[in-house]
PDB file of all heavy atoms in Angstrom:
ATOM      1  N   PRO A   1      46.076   4.886 -34.406  1.00  0.00           N
ATOM      2  CA  PRO A   1      46.368   5.606 -35.654  1.00  0.00           C
ATOM      3  C   PRO A   1      45.540   6.879 -35.755  1.00  0.00           C
ATOM      4  O   PRO A   1      44.393   6.940 -35.304  1.00  0.00           O
ATOM      5  CB  PRO A   1      45.976   4.601 -36.737  1.00  0.00           C
ATOM      6  CG  PRO A   1      45.984   3.267 -36.068  1.00  0.00           C
ATOM      7  CD  PRO A   1      45.594   3.513 -34.657  1.00  0.00           C
ATOM      8  N   ALA A   2      46.106   7.911 -36.345  1.00  0.00           N
ATOM      9  CA  ALA A   2      45.426   9.205 -36.435  1.00  0.00           C
ATOM     10  C   ALA A   2      44.116   9.102 -37.194  1.00  0.00           C
ATOM     11  O   ALA A   2      43.145   9.786 -36.871  1.00  0.00           O
ATOM     12  CB  ALA A   2      46.352  10.226 -37.105  1.00  0.00           C
ATOM     13  N   TRP A   3      44.075   8.218 -38.218  1.00  0.00           N
ATOM     14  CA  TRP A   3      42.853   8.122 -39.017  1.00  0.00           C
ATOM     15  C   TRP A   3      41.696   7.466 -38.258  1.00  0.00           C
ATOM     16  O   TRP A   3      40.570   7.472 -38.728  1.00  0.00           O
ATOM     17  CB  TRP A   3      43.122   7.362 -40.307  1.00  0.00           C
ATOM     18  CG  TRP A   3      43.627   5.958 -40.098  1.00  0.00           C
ATOM     19  CD1 TRP A   3      42.897   4.848 -39.818  1.00  0.00           C
ATOM     20  CD2 TRP A   3      44.984   5.522 -40.152  1.00  0.00           C
ATOM     21  NE1 TRP A   3      43.692   3.749 -39.672  1.00  0.00           N
ATOM     22  CE2 TRP A   3      44.990   4.121 -39.888  1.00  0.00           C
ATOM     23  CE3 TRP A   3      46.201   6.165 -40.399  1.00  0.00           C
ATOM     24  CZ2 TRP A   3      46.157   3.383 -39.864  1.00  0.00           C
ATOM     25  CZ3 TRP A   3      47.368   5.415 -40.390  1.00  0.00           C
ATOM     26  CH2 TRP A   3      47.342   4.040 -40.120  1.00  0.00           C
ATOM     27  N   THR A   4      41.971   6.892 -37.085  1.00  0.00           N
ATOM     28  CA  THR A   4      40.901   6.256 -36.302  1.00  0.00           C
ATOM     29  C   THR A   4      40.375   7.162 -35.199  1.00  0.00           C
ATOM     30  O   THR A   4      39.520   6.735 -34.419  1.00  0.00           O
ATOM     31  CB  THR A   4      41.414   4.960 -35.657  1.00  0.00           C
ATOM     32  OG1 THR A   4      42.399   5.285 -34.659  1.00  0.00           O
ATOM     33  CG2 THR A   4      42.024   4.038 -36.689  1.00  0.00           C
ATOM     34  N   MET A   5      40.848   8.413 -35.121  1.00  0.00           N
ATOM     35  CA  MET A   5      40.451   9.309 -34.035  1.00  0.00           C
ATOM     36  C   MET A   5      39.679  10.516 -34.565  1.00  0.00           C
ATOM     37  O   MET A   5      39.669  11.572 -33.964  1.00  0.00           O
ATOM     38  CB  MET A   5      41.688   9.796 -33.271  1.00  0.00           C
ATOM     39  CG  MET A   5      42.485   8.663 -32.650  1.00  0.00           C
ATOM     40  SD  MET A   5      43.980   9.250 -31.833  1.00  0.00           S
ATOM     41  CE  MET A   5      43.283  10.233 -30.528  1.00  0.00           C
ATOM     42  N   THR A   6      38.996  10.357 -35.699  1.00  0.00           N
ATOM     43  CA  THR A   6      38.282  11.475 -36.304  1.00  0.00           C
ATOM     44  C   THR A   6      36.836  11.546 -35.860  1.00  0.00           C
ATOM     45  O   THR A   6      36.111  12.463 -36.214  1.00  0.00           O
ATOM     46  CB  THR A   6      38.322  11.362 -37.835  1.00  0.00           C
ATOM     47  OG1 THR A   6      37.759  10.096 -38.217  1.00  0.00           O
ATOM     48  CG2 THR A   6      39.751  11.457 -38.337  1.00  0.00           C
ATOM     49  N   ALA A   7      36.352  10.543 -35.092  1.00  0.00           N
ATOM     50  CA  ALA A   7      34.947  10.549 -34.685  1.00  0.00           C
ATOM     51  C   ALA A   7      34.705  11.599 -33.622  1.00  0.00           C
ATOM     52  O   ALA A   7      35.524  11.809 -32.727  1.00  0.00           O
ATOM     53  CB  ALA A   7      34.546   9.173 -34.149  1.00  0.00           C
ATOM     54  N   PRO A   8      33.539  12.263 -33.676  1.00  0.00           N
ATOM     55  CA  PRO A   8      33.208  13.214 -32.614  1.00  0.00           C
ATOM     56  C   PRO A   8      32.907  12.482 -31.314  1.00  0.00           C
ATOM     57  O   PRO A   8      32.644  11.292 -31.295  1.00  0.00           O
ATOM     58  CB  PRO A   8      31.954  13.907 -33.162  1.00  0.00           C
ATOM     59  CG  PRO A   8      31.331  12.894 -34.082  1.00  0.00           C
ATOM     60  CD  PRO A   8      32.479  12.150 -34.694  1.00  0.00           C
ATOM     61  N   GLU A   9      32.931  13.222 -30.227  1.00  0.00           N
ATOM     62  CA  GLU A   9      32.609  12.629 -28.931  1.00  0.00           C
ATOM     63  C   GLU A   9      31.169  12.138 -28.948  1.00  0.00           C
ATOM     64  O   GLU A   9      30.268  12.845 -29.385  1.00  0.00           O
ATOM     65  CB  GLU A   9      32.784  13.670 -27.825  1.00  0.00           C
ATOM     66  CG  GLU A   9      34.222  14.101 -27.615  1.00  0.00           C
ATOM     67  CD  GLU A   9      35.053  13.027 -26.963  1.00  0.00           C
ATOM     68  OE1 GLU A   9      34.462  12.148 -26.306  1.00  0.00           O
ATOM     69  OE2 GLU A   9      36.277  13.053 -27.104  1.00  0.00           O
ATOM     70  N   GLN A  10      30.949  10.909 -28.512  1.00  0.00           N
ATOM     71  CA  GLN A  10      29.582  10.423 -28.459  1.00  0.00           C
ATOM     72  C   GLN A  10      28.964  10.784 -27.111  1.00  0.00           C
ATOM     73  O   GLN A  10      29.621  10.738 -26.080  1.00  0.00           O
ATOM     74  CB  GLN A  10      29.534   8.915 -28.689  1.00  0.00           C
ATOM     75  CG  GLN A  10      30.593   8.139 -27.947  1.00  0.00           C
ATOM     76  CD  GLN A  10      30.568   6.693 -28.344  1.00  0.00           C
ATOM     77  OE1 GLN A  10      29.788   6.293 -29.192  1.00  0.00           O
ATOM     78  NE2 GLN A  10      31.381   5.896 -27.712  1.00  0.00           N
ATOM     79  N   PRO A  11      27.694  11.180 -27.088  1.00  0.00           N
ATOM     80  CA  PRO A  11      27.105  11.697 -25.849  1.00  0.00           C
ATOM     81  C   PRO A  11      26.994  10.681 -24.735  1.00  0.00           C
ATOM     82  O   PRO A  11      27.080  11.038 -23.570  1.00  0.00           O
ATOM     83  CB  PRO A  11      25.706  12.154 -26.309  1.00  0.00           C
ATOM     84  CG  PRO A  11      25.437  11.377 -27.564  1.00  0.00           C
ATOM     85  CD  PRO A  11      26.746  11.189 -28.204  1.00  0.00           C
ATOM     86  N   ASP A  12      26.791   9.409 -25.074  1.00  0.00           N
ATOM     87  CA  ASP A  12      26.525   8.417 -24.033  1.00  0.00           C
ATOM     88  C   ASP A  12      27.777   7.687 -23.575  1.00  0.00           C
ATOM     89  O   ASP A  12      27.774   7.029 -22.550  1.00  0.00           O
ATOM     90  CB  ASP A  12      25.500   7.396 -24.533  1.00  0.00           C
ATOM     91  CG  ASP A  12      24.169   8.055 -24.802  1.00  0.00           C
ATOM     92  OD1 ASP A  12      23.882   9.068 -24.130  1.00  0.00           O
ATOM     93  OD2 ASP A  12      23.441   7.564 -25.671  1.00  0.00           O
ATOM     94  N   ALA A  13      28.812   7.705 -24.398  1.00  0.00           N
ATOM     95  CA  ALA A  13      30.014   6.945 -24.056  1.00  0.00           C
ATOM     96  C   ALA A  13      30.970   7.815 -23.255  1.00  0.00           C
ATOM     97  O   ALA A  13      31.008   9.035 -23.393  1.00  0.00           O
ATOM     98  CB  ALA A  13      30.697   6.444 -25.328  1.00  0.00           C
ATOM     99  N   THR A  14      31.749   7.189 -22.440  1.00  0.00           N
ATOM    100  CA  THR A  14      32.727   7.922 -21.643  1.00  0.00           C
ATOM    101  C   THR A  14      33.786   8.515 -22.546  1.00  0.00           C
ATOM    102  O   THR A  14      34.294   7.837 -23.432  1.00  0.00           O
ATOM    103  CB  THR A  14      33.381   6.963 -20.637  1.00  0.00           C
ATOM    104  OG1 THR A  14      32.349   6.385 -19.857  1.00  0.00           O
ATOM    105  CG2 THR A  14      34.357   7.700 -19.743  1.00  0.00           C
ATOM    106  N   PRO A  15      34.164   9.767 -22.374  1.00  0.00           N
ATOM    107  CA  PRO A  15      35.205  10.360 -23.209  1.00  0.00           C
ATOM    108  C   PRO A  15      36.494   9.575 -23.100  1.00  0.00           C
ATOM    109  O   PRO A  15      36.807   8.986 -22.063  1.00  0.00           O
ATOM    110  CB  PRO A  15      35.363  11.785 -22.647  1.00  0.00           C
ATOM    111  CG  PRO A  15      34.086  12.052 -21.908  1.00  0.00           C
ATOM    112  CD  PRO A  15      33.608  10.745 -21.405  1.00  0.00           C
ATOM    113  N   THR A  16      37.257   9.610 -24.174  1.00  0.00           N
ATOM    114  CA  THR A  16      38.484   8.834 -24.243  1.00  0.00           C
ATOM    115  C   THR A  16      39.655   9.644 -23.721  1.00  0.00           C
ATOM    116  O   THR A  16      40.070  10.614 -24.348  1.00  0.00           O
ATOM    117  CB  THR A  16      38.771   8.418 -25.691  1.00  0.00           C
ATOM    118  OG1 THR A  16      37.629   7.748 -26.183  1.00  0.00           O
ATOM    119  CG2 THR A  16      39.967   7.515 -25.775  1.00  0.00           C
ATOM    120  N   PRO A  17      40.196   9.286 -22.568  1.00  0.00           N
ATOM    121  CA  PRO A  17      41.399   9.989 -22.114  1.00  0.00           C
ATOM    122  C   PRO A  17      42.625   9.427 -22.806  1.00  0.00           C
ATOM    123  O   PRO A  17      42.629   8.290 -23.242  1.00  0.00           O
ATOM    124  CB  PRO A  17      41.420   9.687 -20.616  1.00  0.00           C
ATOM    125  CG  PRO A  17      40.786   8.345 -20.510  1.00  0.00           C
ATOM    126  CD  PRO A  17      39.753   8.284 -21.603  1.00  0.00           C
ATOM    127  N   THR A  18      43.644  10.226 -22.881  1.00  0.00           N
ATOM    128  CA  THR A  18      44.900   9.772 -23.467  1.00  0.00           C
ATOM    129  C   THR A  18      45.837   9.383 -22.342  1.00  0.00           C
ATOM    130  O   THR A  18      46.138  10.203 -21.473  1.00  0.00           O
ATOM    131  CB  THR A  18      45.537  10.886 -24.312  1.00  0.00           C
ATOM    132  OG1 THR A  18      44.599  11.259 -25.307  1.00  0.00           O
ATOM    133  CG2 THR A  18      46.812  10.410 -24.970  1.00  0.00           C
ATOM    134  N   PRO A  19      46.289   8.121 -22.262  1.00  0.00           N
ATOM    135  CA  PRO A  19      47.196   7.726 -21.189  1.00  0.00           C
ATOM    136  C   PRO A  19      48.441   8.591 -21.187  1.00  0.00           C
ATOM    137  O   PRO A  19      48.865   9.117 -22.217  1.00  0.00           O
ATOM    138  CB  PRO A  19      47.522   6.257 -21.523  1.00  0.00           C
ATOM    139  CG  PRO A  19      46.369   5.820 -22.383  1.00  0.00           C
ATOM    140  CD  PRO A  19      45.928   7.033 -23.126  1.00  0.00           C
ATOM    141  N   ALA A  20      49.051   8.702 -20.012  1.00  0.00           N
ATOM    142  CA  ALA A  20      50.220   9.571 -19.887  1.00  0.00           C
ATOM    143  C   ALA A  20      51.346   9.132 -20.784  1.00  0.00           C
ATOM    144  O   ALA A  20      52.137   9.938 -21.255  1.00  0.00           O
ATOM    145  CB  ALA A  20      50.679   9.592 -18.414  1.00  0.00           C
ATOM    146  N   SER A  21      51.431   7.851 -21.025  1.00  0.00           N
ATOM    147  CA  SER A  21      52.524   7.352 -21.851  1.00  0.00           C
ATOM    148  C   SER A  21      52.253   7.475 -23.329  1.00  0.00           C
ATOM    149  O   SER A  21      53.075   7.096 -24.130  1.00  0.00           O
ATOM    150  CB  SER A  21      52.793   5.876 -21.518  1.00  0.00           C
ATOM    151  OG  SER A  21      51.619   5.117 -21.769  1.00  0.00           O
ATOM    152  N   GLU A  22      51.075   8.004 -23.676  1.00  0.00           N
ATOM    153  CA  GLU A  22      50.707   8.060 -25.088  1.00  0.00           C
ATOM    154  C   GLU A  22      50.552   9.508 -25.528  1.00  0.00           C
ATOM    155  O   GLU A  22      49.576  10.165 -25.194  1.00  0.00           O
ATOM    156  CB  GLU A  22      49.395   7.317 -25.339  1.00  0.00           C
ATOM    157  CG  GLU A  22      49.434   5.870 -24.928  1.00  0.00           C
ATOM    158  CD  GLU A  22      48.084   5.235 -25.107  1.00  0.00           C
ATOM    159  OE1 GLU A  22      47.222   5.829 -25.761  1.00  0.00           O
ATOM    160  OE2 GLU A  22      47.880   4.136 -24.571  1.00  0.00           O
ATOM    161  N   PRO A  23      51.472  10.070 -26.280  1.00  0.00           N
ATOM    162  CA  PRO A  23      51.303  11.426 -26.790  1.00  0.00           C
ATOM    163  C   PRO A  23      50.181  11.463 -27.808  1.00  0.00           C
ATOM    164  O   PRO A  23      50.062  10.595 -28.654  1.00  0.00           O
ATOM    165  CB  PRO A  23      52.656  11.732 -27.457  1.00  0.00           C
ATOM    166  CG  PRO A  23      53.224  10.390 -27.778  1.00  0.00           C
ATOM    167  CD  PRO A  23      52.727   9.470 -26.707  1.00  0.00           C
ATOM    168  N   THR A  24      49.339  12.493 -27.678  1.00  0.00           N
ATOM    169  CA  THR A  24      48.218  12.613 -28.602  1.00  0.00           C
ATOM    170  C   THR A  24      48.707  13.034 -29.979  1.00  0.00           C
ATOM    171  O   THR A  24      49.457  13.997 -30.104  1.00  0.00           O
ATOM    172  CB  THR A  24      47.226  13.659 -28.084  1.00  0.00           C
ATOM    173  OG1 THR A  24      46.807  13.257 -26.788  1.00  0.00           O
ATOM    174  CG2 THR A  24      46.028  13.778 -29.014  1.00  0.00           C
ATOM    175  N   PRO A  25      48.312  12.314 -31.045  1.00  0.00           N
ATOM    176  CA  PRO A  25      48.751  12.721 -32.376  1.00  0.00           C
ATOM    177  C   PRO A  25      48.210  14.103 -32.701  1.00  0.00           C
ATOM    178  O   PRO A  25      47.043  14.405 -32.467  1.00  0.00           O
ATOM    179  CB  PRO A  25      48.135  11.653 -33.287  1.00  0.00           C
ATOM    180  CG  PRO A  25      47.771  10.529 -32.376  1.00  0.00           C
ATOM    181  CD  PRO A  25      47.487  11.131 -31.056  1.00  0.00           C
ATOM    182  N   GLU A  26      49.075  14.953 -33.228  1.00  0.00           N
ATOM    183  CA  GLU A  26      48.677  16.301 -33.572  1.00  0.00           C
ATOM    184  C   GLU A  26      48.700  16.535 -35.075  1.00  0.00           C
ATOM    185  O   GLU A  26      48.510  17.663 -35.522  1.00  0.00           O
ATOM    186  CB  GLU A  26      49.607  17.309 -32.888  1.00  0.00           C
ATOM    187  CG  GLU A  26      49.551  17.236 -31.359  1.00  0.00           C
ATOM    188  CD  GLU A  26      50.493  18.224 -30.715  1.00  0.00           C
ATOM    189  OE1 GLU A  26      51.239  18.880 -31.464  1.00  0.00           O
ATOM    190  OE2 GLU A  26      50.479  18.339 -29.486  1.00  0.00           O
ATOM    191  N   VAL A  27      48.940  15.502 -35.860  1.00  0.00           N
ATOM    192  CA  VAL A  27      49.007  15.674 -37.303  1.00  0.00           C
ATOM    193  C   VAL A  27      47.886  14.887 -37.929  1.00  0.00           C
ATOM    194  O   VAL A  27      47.462  13.855 -37.431  1.00  0.00           O
ATOM    195  CB  VAL A  27      50.375  15.203 -37.857  1.00  0.00           C
ATOM    196  CG1 VAL A  27      51.472  16.081 -37.344  1.00  0.00           C
ATOM    197  CG2 VAL A  27      50.638  13.758 -37.469  1.00  0.00           C
ATOM    198  N   THR A  28      47.397  15.429 -38.998  1.00  0.00           N
ATOM    199  CA  THR A  28      46.387  14.724 -39.775  1.00  0.00           C
ATOM    200  C   THR A  28      47.071  13.711 -40.652  1.00  0.00           C
ATOM    201  O   THR A  28      48.284  13.781 -40.876  1.00  0.00           O
ATOM    202  CB  THR A  28      45.610  15.720 -40.642  1.00  0.00           C
ATOM    203  OG1 THR A  28      46.512  16.307 -41.564  1.00  0.00           O
ATOM    204  CG2 THR A  28      44.964  16.787 -39.783  1.00  0.00           C
ATOM    205  N   PRO A  29      46.305  12.753 -41.197  1.00  0.00           N
ATOM    206  CA  PRO A  29      46.921  11.803 -42.114  1.00  0.00           C
ATOM    207  C   PRO A  29      47.579  12.494 -43.292  1.00  0.00           C
ATOM    208  O   PRO A  29      48.626  12.088 -43.765  1.00  0.00           O
ATOM    209  CB  PRO A  29      45.733  10.934 -42.541  1.00  0.00           C
ATOM    210  CG  PRO A  29      44.765  11.053 -41.418  1.00  0.00           C
ATOM    211  CD  PRO A  29      44.923  12.430 -40.889  1.00  0.00           C
ATOM    212  N   GLU A  30      46.958  13.608 -43.759  1.00  0.00           N
ATOM    213  CA  GLU A  30      47.539  14.290 -44.909  1.00  0.00           C
ATOM    214  C   GLU A  30      48.889  14.906 -44.553  1.00  0.00           C
ATOM    215  O   GLU A  30      49.861  14.823 -45.298  1.00  0.00           O
ATOM    216  CB  GLU A  30      46.576  15.376 -45.407  1.00  0.00           C
ATOM    217  CG  GLU A  30      45.270  14.833 -45.971  1.00  0.00           C
ATOM    218  CD  GLU A  30      44.279  14.483 -44.886  1.00  0.00           C
ATOM    219  OE1 GLU A  30      44.562  14.737 -43.708  1.00  0.00           O
ATOM    220  OE2 GLU A  30      43.215  13.950 -45.228  1.00  0.00           O
ATOM    221  N   ALA A  31      48.933  15.539 -43.352  1.00  0.00           N
ATOM    222  CA  ALA A  31      50.188  16.161 -42.948  1.00  0.00           C
ATOM    223  C   ALA A  31      51.264  15.129 -42.724  1.00  0.00           C
ATOM    224  O   ALA A  31      52.429  15.325 -43.055  1.00  0.00           O
ATOM    225  CB  ALA A  31      49.974  16.984 -41.674  1.00  0.00           C
ATOM    226  N   SER A  32      50.869  13.996 -42.149  1.00  0.00           N
ATOM    227  CA  SER A  32      51.838  12.931 -41.921  1.00  0.00           C
ATOM    228  C   SER A  32      52.405  12.429 -43.221  1.00  0.00           C
ATOM    229  O   SER A  32      53.587  12.171 -43.342  1.00  0.00           O
ATOM    230  CB  SER A  32      51.179  11.793 -41.150  1.00  0.00           C
ATOM    231  OG  SER A  32      52.067  10.734 -40.982  1.00  0.00           O
ATOM    232  N   ALA A  33      51.531  12.280 -44.223  1.00  0.00           N
ATOM    233  CA  ALA A  33      52.008  11.782 -45.517  1.00  0.00           C
ATOM    234  C   ALA A  33      52.943  12.776 -46.160  1.00  0.00           C
ATOM    235  O   ALA A  33      53.957  12.421 -46.766  1.00  0.00           O
ATOM    236  CB  ALA A  33      50.818  11.490 -46.427  1.00  0.00           C
ATOM    237  N   SER A  34      52.613  14.105 -46.055  1.00  0.00           N
ATOM    238  CA  SER A  34      53.452  15.098 -46.707  1.00  0.00           C
ATOM    239  C   SER A  34      54.797  15.232 -46.021  1.00  0.00           C
ATOM    240  O   SER A  34      55.786  15.629 -46.628  1.00  0.00           O
ATOM    241  CB  SER A  34      52.731  16.451 -46.702  1.00  0.00           C
ATOM    242  OG  SER A  34      52.518  16.882 -45.368  1.00  0.00           O
ATOM    243  N   ALA A  35      54.829  14.904 -44.730  1.00  0.00           N
ATOM    244  CA  ALA A  35      56.090  15.012 -44.010  1.00  0.00           C
ATOM    245  C   ALA A  35      56.968  13.795 -44.166  1.00  0.00           C
ATOM    246  O   ALA A  35      58.102  13.790 -43.735  1.00  0.00           O
ATOM    247  CB  ALA A  35      55.812  15.249 -42.516  1.00  0.00           C
ATOM    248  N   SER A  36      56.451  12.754 -44.761  1.00  0.00           N
ATOM    249  CA  SER A  36      57.222  11.524 -44.897  1.00  0.00           C
ATOM    250  C   SER A  36      58.353  11.732 -45.879  1.00  0.00           C
ATOM    251  O   SER A  36      58.171  12.337 -46.934  1.00  0.00           O
ATOM    252  CB  SER A  36      56.314  10.392 -45.369  1.00  0.00           C
ATOM    253  OG  SER A  36      55.276  10.210 -44.456  1.00  0.00           O
ATOM    254  N   PRO A  37      59.530  11.219 -45.590  1.00  0.00           N
ATOM    255  CA  PRO A  37      60.627  11.328 -46.546  1.00  0.00           C
ATOM    256  C   PRO A  37      60.359  10.470 -47.759  1.00  0.00           C
ATOM    257  O   PRO A  37      59.610   9.503 -47.698  1.00  0.00           O
ATOM    258  CB  PRO A  37      61.828  10.808 -45.737  1.00  0.00           C
ATOM    259  CG  PRO A  37      61.224   9.911 -44.704  1.00  0.00           C
ATOM    260  CD  PRO A  37      59.909  10.531 -44.363  1.00  0.00           C
ATOM    261  N   SER A  38      60.968  10.808 -48.854  1.00  0.00           N
ATOM    262  CA  SER A  38      60.796  10.037 -50.086  1.00  0.00           C
ATOM    263  C   SER A  38      61.372   8.654 -49.881  1.00  0.00           C
ATOM    264  O   SER A  38      62.482   8.500 -49.362  1.00  0.00           O
ATOM    265  CB  SER A  38      61.507  10.733 -51.255  1.00  0.00           C
ATOM    266  OG  SER A  38      60.966  12.020 -51.443  1.00  0.00           O
ATOM    267  N   PRO A  39      60.664   7.636 -50.258  1.00  0.00           N
ATOM    268  CA  PRO A  39      61.169   6.284 -50.049  1.00  0.00           C
ATOM    269  C   PRO A  39      62.372   6.013 -50.928  1.00  0.00           C
ATOM    270  O   PRO A  39      62.519   6.588 -52.010  1.00  0.00           O
ATOM    271  CB  PRO A  39      59.975   5.405 -50.450  1.00  0.00           C
ATOM    272  CG  PRO A  39      59.177   6.250 -51.381  1.00  0.00           C
ATOM    273  CD  PRO A  39      59.356   7.645 -50.922  1.00  0.00           C
TER     274      PRO A  39
END
């Protein structure tokens, strides 16, 4: 989920690569909510 990827890179941990099958989310939670159709 986009809201779980807001942490900065930690110096000691290995950086998190994005698997090829996983597109990196490019929207913030706010943008996602605003783009949602009216229920």
